Structures are given as structure tokens and as C-alpha cells.
Amino acid sequence: MSTSTSITTTYAGEFAGKYIAAALLPAPTLANNLITIKPNVKFKEVMKRLTTDKLLGNASCDFDPTGTVTLTERILQPKELQVNRQLCKSTFRNDWDAIEMGYSAFDVMPKSFTDFLLAQYAEKVASENEVNIWRGVESNAGEFDGFSTLLSLDAALPAAQELALVGGGLLSTNVIAELGKILDATPIAVSSQDDYHIYVSTNFFRLYVRALGGYATNLGANGIDGKGSMWFNGGAVLPFEGVKIAHCPGLASSTAIASTKSNMFFGTGLLADTQEVRVIDQAEIDGSQNVRIVMRLTAGVQYGIVEDVVTYNITNSAN
């Protein structure tokens, strides 16, 4: 059975040669290397965690090995995912691209449509992966457990590092104070690292941009450089008190997660798999008019040390 294809067109002369599609969610988490990417994970990878008690002691003439070393582990296991779609070439015979299919009864898919479809599928998979990375749920088809899901079930996350949403919700007038709360709740040894990030949702990020444009009470009416709301020229990362605020559209509205990049992992088999889309014309295989669109990839996330993480507006049901 082919994938349901709906074509709504009104013929009004020569086709302009351009397709449009609904806007997709941007996927900056992987595109901008905001977290650590671990390729070549065929099945699963064991991440060892070593902790010790205080190392320095008073000097003496004797060798004193007294102390504790604790070795624990976390498992990064990417999930196998796929895209399987099937289109019937006859669907396009009466559409604007019919001439690209040739005059033979043995049709070929219109090249302009095929090229567009390949790019669209790759971009949509990247968009869906962006959501999966931050709030995917393993039990849902086509998803793996994202960071929010994993952290909401981890009883070892310190309660003082689970921050609630501010009363009345996030606003441009309170967003800077809320970012300050996240930074203050982060252990100093973590927030002082060069790769420390506060990963925020789209509305969180935009409210921060708006605040810096003059909507925060301590910046004045014209904001940064007196440019008002015109100061921002785009980008996925902004500074805040010496640390990085990273825009991650996959996070649920008004949520944030803070940690170091080196503590946040995305695992996959081959990175190229996330961008490889195969078009298989079934005419030479079974004589049908069908064309199959196929993608196969593996993906999953994991963090290393939960005590190095702060969450904002993510309910932890484990503690």
C-alpha cells in the first residue's frame, strides 16, 4: 500500500519549478555541536564514572593509601529508527510535473520533485531528532528517551538543582532573574567550566533576546548599544554573566537544562545515516509503479554525571 499522497493544484500555465513545504523546526543542537556527539556506536557504549573522596592529606614519612574510589557507569544505547514511505508515480501524471516523467508508459518520478523530497525528508528527520534529543519518549514510535525524560526519572538528581517555573510564567521582565537562579543552582565546579551551557527552549531564548533589547528594567529603554529590539542578528548562543545560553528548539516551552557539553552525549552509528535518503524505483524490482523512500539510522542520548545537571520546569517523579 502506498503512502497516502494528496495533491491539490490548479493548473494555470507552466509550472514555476519550485515546491514549498511547511516550515520545519530548526535543529541547532547537533548542527552547532552544542552537546558531545559520539559516532560509531554500533550497539551501546558504557560510560565509566569515577569519583573519589578528598585527595590531599598531611605529609608524613609513610605511604597511606586510605581513601575511597567509586566506579559507576551509564549506558548510551542508540535506538534503531527508520523512514519507510511509498509513492505511486501515476499520482503525478496529471500534475504540473507530468512532462518530467517522460512520454513512455514506464514513468519515472519527476526529478524536481524527487530532489525536493530528498531534502525535505532529511530536514524533517533532523527536526524530529531535535525534539527527541530533549524530550523524546522511548515508548512512542520513532522516539528515544530525551534528556528531559531521563532526568525526570533520575532519583539521584539533587533536589536543590530541580528548579520550578516562576509564578506567573516566564516574561521578558523576569527571564534574566530566572537564568540567574539556574546559574546559582549549578555547582561552581561545573559552571566555571568553559563548555558549560544553559540549554533553553525557544520562548526562553526569545524572552532573553527581548529583555536585552530594552525590556528588562536594568537595561534602559534602548537595550544593548541603544539598538532596542534591532540589536539581535541571529545565532544559537548568547552570553550571560560569562556563560553560554544555547537555543535548543527541542526543549518544551519554558524549560531549561544546564550542564557542560562534555556531560551531554548524543550517540549514533554513522552520522551520515541521518542525512542519507534512498529513493528506490520498484519498477525494475516488481514491475509496479511505486517508488520507495527509505532512511535508516540509530540515535540516542545520555548524560554522564547527574549531579552536574540543573533542570528548570522539568518535574522529577523519582524524588
Protein backbone atom coordinates (compact mmCIF):
# COMPACT_ATOMS: atom_id res chain seq x y z
CA MET A 1 0.00 0.00 0.00
CA SER A 2 1.40 3.40 -0.98
CA THR A 3 1.81 6.31 1.41
CA SER A 4 -1.27 8.50 1.14
CA THR A 5 -0.48 11.32 -1.29
CA SER A 6 -2.72 14.35 -1.61
CA ILE A 7 -2.13 16.79 -4.47
CA THR A 8 -4.22 19.94 -4.52
CA THR A 9 -3.37 22.06 -7.55
CA THR A 10 -4.97 24.37 -10.06
CA TYR A 11 -3.31 24.31 -13.47
CA ALA A 12 -2.61 27.89 -14.54
CA GLY A 13 0.19 27.66 -17.07
CA GLU A 14 3.76 26.39 -16.90
CA PHE A 15 4.93 25.12 -13.52
CA ALA A 16 7.32 27.61 -11.91
CA GLY A 17 9.66 24.81 -10.87
CA LYS A 18 9.57 25.44 -7.13
CA TYR A 19 7.98 23.44 -4.33
CA ILE A 20 7.27 24.79 -0.88
CA ALA A 21 6.68 22.94 2.36
CA ALA A 22 5.64 23.77 5.90
CA ALA A 23 8.41 25.36 7.96
CA LEU A 24 10.40 22.82 9.92
CA LEU A 25 11.73 23.17 13.44
CA PRO A 26 15.41 24.18 13.28
CA ALA A 27 17.88 21.63 14.64
CA PRO A 28 20.83 23.55 16.13
CA THR A 29 21.70 21.07 18.89
CA LEU A 30 23.66 18.79 16.56
CA ALA A 31 24.29 21.30 13.77
CA ASN A 32 26.12 23.63 16.19
CA ASN A 33 27.74 20.86 18.29
CA LEU A 34 26.04 22.06 21.45
CA ILE A 35 26.41 18.61 23.01
CA THR A 36 29.05 15.90 22.63
CA ILE A 37 28.46 13.73 19.55
CA LYS A 38 29.68 10.15 19.81
CA PRO A 39 29.59 8.40 16.41
CA ASN A 40 30.35 4.74 15.64
CA VAL A 41 28.27 3.34 18.50
CA LYS A 42 27.15 0.06 16.94
CA PHE A 43 25.12 -1.32 19.86
CA LYS A 44 25.80 0.52 23.10
CA GLU A 45 28.61 2.32 24.86
CA VAL A 46 29.41 2.11 28.55
CA MET A 47 30.48 5.44 30.03
CA LYS A 48 32.52 4.99 33.19
CA ARG A 49 32.23 7.47 36.03
CA LEU A 50 34.98 7.69 38.67
CA THR A 51 34.60 9.56 41.95
CA THR A 52 37.00 9.84 44.89
CA ASP A 53 36.96 11.37 48.33
CA LYS A 54 39.36 14.21 49.27
CA LEU A 55 42.80 13.51 47.81
CA LEU A 56 45.13 15.90 49.65
CA GLY A 57 46.32 14.99 53.16
CA ASN A 58 49.04 15.98 55.57
CA ALA A 59 52.55 14.86 54.62
CA SER A 60 54.19 12.02 56.55
CA CYS A 61 57.05 9.53 56.20
CA ASP A 62 54.65 6.67 55.49
CA PHE A 63 52.60 5.71 52.45
CA ASP A 64 48.95 5.94 53.45
CA PRO A 65 46.51 4.69 50.77
CA THR A 66 43.44 5.34 52.89
CA GLY A 67 40.56 6.67 50.81
CA THR A 68 37.75 5.62 48.54
CA VAL A 69 37.41 5.30 44.79
CA THR A 70 33.94 4.64 43.36
CA LEU A 71 33.43 3.49 39.80
CA THR A 72 29.93 3.56 38.30
CA GLU A 73 28.64 3.57 34.75
CA ARG A 74 25.91 4.87 32.47
CA ILE A 75 24.79 3.26 29.25
CA LEU A 76 24.41 5.08 25.94
CA GLN A 77 22.37 2.83 23.65
CA PRO A 78 21.15 4.37 20.38
CA LYS A 79 17.76 3.21 19.14
CA GLU A 80 17.25 1.92 15.60
CA LEU A 81 14.91 4.18 13.63
CA GLN A 82 13.67 4.22 10.06
CA VAL A 83 11.71 6.11 7.45
CA ASN A 84 9.59 3.99 5.07
CA ARG A 85 7.37 5.76 2.57
CA GLN A 86 5.95 4.67 -0.76
CA LEU A 87 4.62 6.85 -3.57
CA CYS A 88 2.87 5.80 -6.75
CA LYS A 89 4.22 7.52 -9.87
CA SER A 90 0.79 7.56 -11.52
CA THR A 91 -0.23 10.16 -8.91
CA PHE A 92 1.86 12.74 -10.77
CA ARG A 93 0.71 12.04 -14.35
CA ASN A 94 -1.87 14.81 -14.36
CA ASP A 95 0.11 17.19 -12.21
CA TRP A 96 2.37 20.03 -13.38
CA ASP A 97 5.43 17.76 -13.41
CA ALA A 98 3.97 15.20 -15.81
CA ILE A 99 6.32 16.20 -18.63
CA GLU A 100 9.34 15.34 -16.45
CA MET A 101 8.05 11.76 -16.23
CA GLY A 102 8.59 11.21 -19.97
CA TYR A 103 6.12 10.05 -22.60
CA SER A 104 6.67 6.33 -22.06
CA ALA A 105 4.16 4.29 -20.06
CA PHE A 106 7.15 3.36 -17.90
CA ASP A 107 7.06 6.51 -15.82
CA VAL A 108 9.92 7.95 -13.79
CA MET A 109 9.48 10.20 -10.78
CA PRO A 110 9.70 13.93 -11.62
CA LYS A 111 13.30 14.93 -10.88
CA SER A 112 12.46 18.32 -9.39
CA PHE A 113 10.01 16.68 -7.02
CA THR A 114 12.43 13.87 -6.14
CA ASP A 115 15.22 16.35 -5.31
CA PHE A 116 12.86 18.40 -3.17
CA LEU A 117 11.54 15.29 -1.44
CA LEU A 118 15.02 14.05 -0.54
CA ALA A 119 15.97 17.38 1.03
CA GLN A 120 12.64 17.65 2.81
CA TYR A 121 12.86 14.18 4.34
CA ALA A 122 16.41 14.77 5.58
CA GLU A 123 15.43 18.11 7.12
CA LYS A 124 12.30 16.71 8.73
CA VAL A 125 14.23 13.82 10.28
CA ALA A 126 16.73 16.35 11.69
CA SER A 127 13.81 18.37 13.06
CA GLU A 128 12.25 15.31 14.70
CA ASN A 129 15.62 14.30 16.16
CA GLU A 130 15.96 17.77 17.71
CA VAL A 131 12.74 17.11 19.65
CA ASN A 132 13.80 13.55 20.52
CA ILE A 133 17.14 14.72 21.92
CA TRP A 134 15.47 16.93 24.50
CA ARG A 135 12.03 15.46 25.21
CA GLY A 136 11.59 12.22 23.28
CA VAL A 137 9.88 9.25 24.96
CA GLU A 138 11.16 5.76 24.17
CA SER A 139 7.70 4.17 24.31
CA ASN A 140 6.50 6.40 21.45
CA ALA A 141 7.09 5.13 17.92
CA GLY A 142 10.05 6.82 16.27
CA GLU A 143 11.37 8.32 19.52
CA PHE A 144 14.09 7.65 22.08
CA ASP A 145 14.28 8.96 25.64
CA GLY A 146 15.47 12.56 25.56
CA PHE A 147 17.35 14.40 28.30
CA SER A 148 14.17 15.76 29.92
CA THR A 149 12.67 12.28 30.11
CA LEU A 150 15.84 10.70 31.52
CA LEU A 151 16.30 13.45 34.11
CA SER A 152 12.65 13.34 35.19
CA LEU A 153 13.18 9.71 36.25
CA ASP A 154 16.58 10.02 37.94
CA ALA A 155 16.31 9.93 41.74
CA ALA A 156 19.98 10.92 42.06
CA LEU A 157 19.36 14.44 40.73
CA PRO A 158 19.80 16.75 43.75
CA ALA A 159 16.52 18.38 44.75
CA ALA A 160 18.21 21.79 45.03
CA GLN A 161 19.07 21.50 41.33
CA GLU A 162 15.44 20.99 40.24
CA LEU A 163 14.03 24.47 39.80
CA ALA A 164 10.33 25.24 39.38
CA LEU A 165 8.79 27.62 36.88
CA VAL A 166 8.47 31.15 38.23
CA GLY A 167 4.98 32.12 39.39
CA GLY A 168 3.05 33.77 36.59
CA GLY A 169 5.33 32.20 33.98
CA LEU A 170 8.38 33.45 32.12
CA LEU A 171 8.34 37.08 30.96
CA SER A 172 10.89 39.40 29.43
CA THR A 173 10.91 41.22 32.77
CA ASN A 174 11.86 38.15 34.84
CA VAL A 175 13.82 35.95 32.41
CA ILE A 176 17.21 37.36 33.46
CA ALA A 177 16.44 36.65 37.11
CA GLU A 178 15.39 33.08 36.23
CA LEU A 179 18.61 32.48 34.31
CA GLY A 180 20.43 33.75 37.39
CA LYS A 181 18.63 31.15 39.51
CA ILE A 182 19.78 28.38 37.17
CA LEU A 183 23.37 29.60 37.26
CA ASP A 184 23.30 29.95 41.05
CA ALA A 185 21.90 26.40 41.45
CA THR A 186 24.74 24.94 39.38
CA PRO A 187 27.77 23.68 41.33
CA ILE A 188 30.60 26.20 40.89
CA ALA A 189 32.95 23.47 39.69
CA VAL A 190 30.52 22.88 36.80
CA SER A 191 29.53 26.45 35.90
CA SER A 192 33.18 27.53 35.83
CA GLN A 193 33.97 25.09 33.01
CA ASP A 194 34.48 26.56 29.52
CA ASP A 195 31.91 24.21 27.99
CA TYR A 196 29.15 24.97 30.50
CA HIS A 197 25.82 25.79 28.80
CA ILE A 198 22.33 26.69 29.89
CA TYR A 199 20.20 24.99 27.24
CA VAL A 200 16.87 26.79 26.86
CA SER A 201 13.63 26.43 24.91
CA THR A 202 12.66 28.75 22.06
CA ASN A 203 10.40 31.02 24.11
CA PHE A 204 13.01 31.17 26.89
CA PHE A 205 15.66 32.26 24.38
CA ARG A 206 13.41 34.82 22.70
CA LEU A 207 12.41 36.37 26.01
CA TYR A 208 16.10 36.76 26.85
CA VAL A 209 16.69 38.43 23.47
CA ARG A 210 13.72 40.72 24.14
CA ALA A 211 14.99 41.55 27.61
CA LEU A 212 18.38 42.55 26.23
CA GLY A 213 16.59 44.75 23.71
CA GLY A 214 15.43 47.05 26.49
CA TYR A 215 12.56 45.19 28.09
CA ALA A 216 14.49 44.35 31.25
CA THR A 217 14.26 47.01 33.96
CA ASN A 218 18.04 47.22 34.42
CA LEU A 219 18.92 47.82 30.74
CA GLY A 220 17.08 51.02 29.96
CA ALA A 221 14.57 51.63 27.21
CA ASN A 222 17.01 51.15 24.33
CA GLY A 223 18.78 47.98 25.44
CA ILE A 224 22.22 46.86 24.25
CA ASP A 225 24.16 49.58 22.38
CA GLY A 226 20.98 51.64 22.29
CA LYS A 227 19.64 49.49 19.43
CA GLY A 228 16.45 48.30 21.10
CA SER A 229 14.96 45.16 19.58
CA MET A 230 17.17 45.61 16.48
CA TRP A 231 20.32 44.54 18.32
CA PHE A 232 19.94 40.79 17.67
CA ASN A 233 21.18 39.45 14.33
CA GLY A 234 20.55 35.77 14.95
CA GLY A 235 22.58 32.90 16.32
CA ALA A 236 22.00 29.96 18.65
CA VAL A 237 24.24 31.00 21.55
CA LEU A 238 24.27 34.19 23.65
CA PRO A 239 26.39 35.15 26.68
CA PHE A 240 25.03 35.55 30.20
CA GLU A 241 27.29 36.50 33.09
CA GLY A 242 30.23 34.80 31.41
CA VAL A 243 28.42 31.57 30.49
CA LYS A 244 26.62 30.42 27.35
CA ILE A 245 22.87 30.42 26.76
CA ALA A 246 22.10 27.91 23.98
CA HIS A 247 18.86 27.89 21.98
CA CYS A 248 17.53 24.31 21.72
CA PRO A 249 14.10 24.26 20.00
CA GLY A 250 13.58 20.63 21.01
CA LEU A 251 13.07 21.62 24.64
CA ALA A 252 9.47 22.01 25.80
CA SER A 253 8.22 25.55 26.28
CA SER A 254 9.66 27.41 29.31
CA THR A 255 12.12 24.64 30.19
CA ALA A 256 15.90 24.60 30.53
CA ILE A 257 18.72 22.20 31.33
CA ALA A 258 22.15 23.34 32.46
CA SER A 259 25.35 21.30 32.32
CA THR A 260 28.64 21.02 30.46
CA LYS A 261 28.79 19.94 26.83
CA SER A 262 31.21 17.19 27.89
CA ASN A 263 28.50 15.75 30.17
CA MET A 264 25.78 15.59 27.49
CA PHE A 265 26.07 12.91 24.81
CA PHE A 266 24.37 12.06 21.52
CA GLY A 267 25.21 8.61 20.19
CA THR A 268 24.74 7.21 16.71
CA GLY A 269 26.19 4.64 14.34
CA LEU A 270 27.18 6.76 11.34
CA LEU A 271 26.46 10.49 11.27
CA ALA A 272 25.97 10.23 7.52
CA ASP A 273 22.95 7.97 8.09
CA THR A 274 20.95 10.93 9.41
CA GLN A 275 21.31 12.68 6.03
CA GLU A 276 21.14 9.72 3.62
CA VAL A 277 17.78 9.26 1.91
CA ARG A 278 17.41 6.49 -0.65
CA VAL A 279 14.89 6.52 -3.47
CA ILE A 280 14.16 3.04 -4.81
CA ASP A 281 12.16 2.73 -8.03
CA GLN A 282 10.23 -0.54 -7.74
CA ALA A 283 9.61 -0.80 -11.49
CA GLU A 284 12.82 -2.77 -12.02
CA ILE A 285 12.14 -4.97 -8.97
CA ASP A 286 8.49 -5.94 -9.04
CA GLY A 287 7.15 -4.12 -12.11
CA SER A 288 4.97 -1.80 -10.03
CA GLN A 289 4.55 1.95 -10.37
CA ASN A 290 5.77 2.52 -6.82
CA VAL A 291 8.77 4.45 -5.59
CA ARG A 292 10.05 3.85 -2.06
CA ILE A 293 11.72 6.42 0.17
CA VAL A 294 13.99 4.83 2.80
CA MET A 295 16.12 6.09 5.67
CA ARG A 296 17.77 4.03 8.42
CA LEU A 297 19.65 5.43 11.39
CA THR A 298 20.38 4.97 15.08
CA ALA A 299 20.18 7.70 17.70
CA GLY A 300 20.12 8.13 21.47
CA VAL A 301 21.26 10.45 24.26
CA GLN A 302 22.68 10.12 27.74
CA TYR A 303 24.34 12.30 30.37
CA GLY A 304 27.34 11.29 32.41
CA ILE A 305 27.06 12.78 35.91
CA VAL A 306 23.58 13.74 37.05
CA GLU A 307 24.93 15.82 39.96
CA ASP A 308 26.40 18.15 37.32
CA VAL A 309 22.96 18.93 35.87
CA VAL A 310 20.35 21.56 36.76
CA THR A 311 16.80 21.40 35.42
CA TYR A 312 14.20 24.16 35.15
CA ASN A 313 10.47 23.42 34.95
CA ILE A 314 11.03 19.67 34.49
CA THR A 315 9.12 17.63 37.07
CA ASN A 316 11.14 14.79 38.60
CA SER A 317 8.78 11.95 39.54
CA ALA A 318 11.57 9.94 41.17
CA ASN A 319 12.27 12.21 44.13
